[in-house]
Protein backbone atom coordinates (compact mmCIF):
# COMPACT_ATOMS: atom_id res chain seq x y z
CA MET A 1 -76.49 80.83 -48.58
CA PRO A 2 -75.00 77.42 -49.50
CA SER A 3 -76.16 77.78 -53.07
CA ARG A 4 -74.46 81.20 -53.27
CA LEU A 5 -71.14 79.80 -51.98
CA LEU A 6 -71.31 76.86 -54.37
CA ALA A 7 -72.21 79.22 -57.22
CA ILE A 8 -69.06 81.22 -56.46
CA ILE A 9 -66.96 78.04 -56.62
CA GLY A 10 -68.75 77.04 -59.84
CA ASP A 11 -68.06 80.45 -61.37
CA TYR A 12 -64.42 80.12 -60.40
CA PHE A 13 -64.18 76.82 -62.28
CA ASP A 14 -66.04 78.25 -65.27
CA GLN A 15 -63.65 81.20 -65.52
CA ASN A 16 -60.35 79.50 -64.69
CA LEU A 17 -60.65 75.82 -65.55
CA LYS A 18 -62.89 75.40 -68.57
CA TYR A 19 -63.32 71.66 -69.07
CA PRO A 20 -62.32 70.08 -71.48
CA VAL A 21 -60.38 73.08 -72.82
CA GLN A 22 -56.79 73.19 -71.66
CA PRO A 23 -55.96 76.02 -69.25
CA ASP A 24 -54.47 79.18 -70.68
CA GLU A 25 -50.75 78.67 -71.26
CA ALA A 26 -50.00 82.30 -70.44
CA LYS A 27 -51.49 81.89 -66.97
CA ARG A 28 -49.80 78.50 -66.52
CA THR A 29 -52.84 77.24 -64.67
CA SER A 30 -53.35 73.53 -64.17
CA MET A 31 -55.86 71.37 -62.37
CA ASP A 32 -53.08 70.12 -60.10
CA ASP A 33 -52.45 73.69 -58.92
CA GLU A 34 -56.04 74.94 -58.74
CA LEU A 35 -58.14 72.04 -57.56
CA PRO A 36 -56.65 71.28 -54.09
CA PRO A 37 -57.26 74.75 -52.56
CA VAL A 38 -60.79 74.91 -53.97
CA LEU A 39 -61.62 71.44 -52.66
CA ALA A 40 -60.08 72.36 -49.29
CA LEU A 41 -62.37 75.39 -49.14
CA LEU A 42 -65.39 73.24 -50.03
CA LEU A 43 -64.40 70.72 -47.36
CA LYS A 44 -64.20 73.47 -44.73
CA LEU A 45 -67.62 74.72 -45.77
CA VAL A 46 -69.12 71.23 -45.55
CA VAL A 47 -67.54 70.47 -42.18
CA GLY A 48 -68.49 73.86 -40.76
CA SER A 49 -72.16 73.98 -41.69
CA LYS A 50 -74.89 71.37 -41.51
CA GLU A 51 -76.93 73.38 -44.00
CA ILE A 52 -74.11 73.42 -46.57
CA ARG A 53 -73.39 69.72 -45.95
CA ARG A 54 -77.05 68.87 -46.68
CA PHE A 55 -77.07 71.06 -49.79
CA VAL A 56 -73.85 69.51 -51.18
CA LYS A 57 -75.14 66.00 -50.43
CA ASP A 58 -78.38 66.77 -52.28
CA GLN A 59 -76.41 68.10 -55.26
CA ILE A 60 -73.94 65.21 -55.49
CA LEU A 61 -75.84 62.10 -54.41
CA PRO A 62 -79.06 60.76 -55.93
CA LYS A 63 -82.20 61.16 -53.81
CA SER A 64 -82.60 57.37 -53.62
CA LEU A 65 -79.55 56.94 -51.34
């Protein structure tokens, strides 16, 4: 389940905020507008579930920590 939720967030970034390409001018999308709500959602997921917290930690931090 955590990998599915993170895949959804990853797909969102891939579709809406293609790094390093600038966001579509017609949509007027910017990182300043898009990133805070997505990170807030990720934070709620991490705080709400030990399983998701462990998965995110394993994805972000090296195993040696």
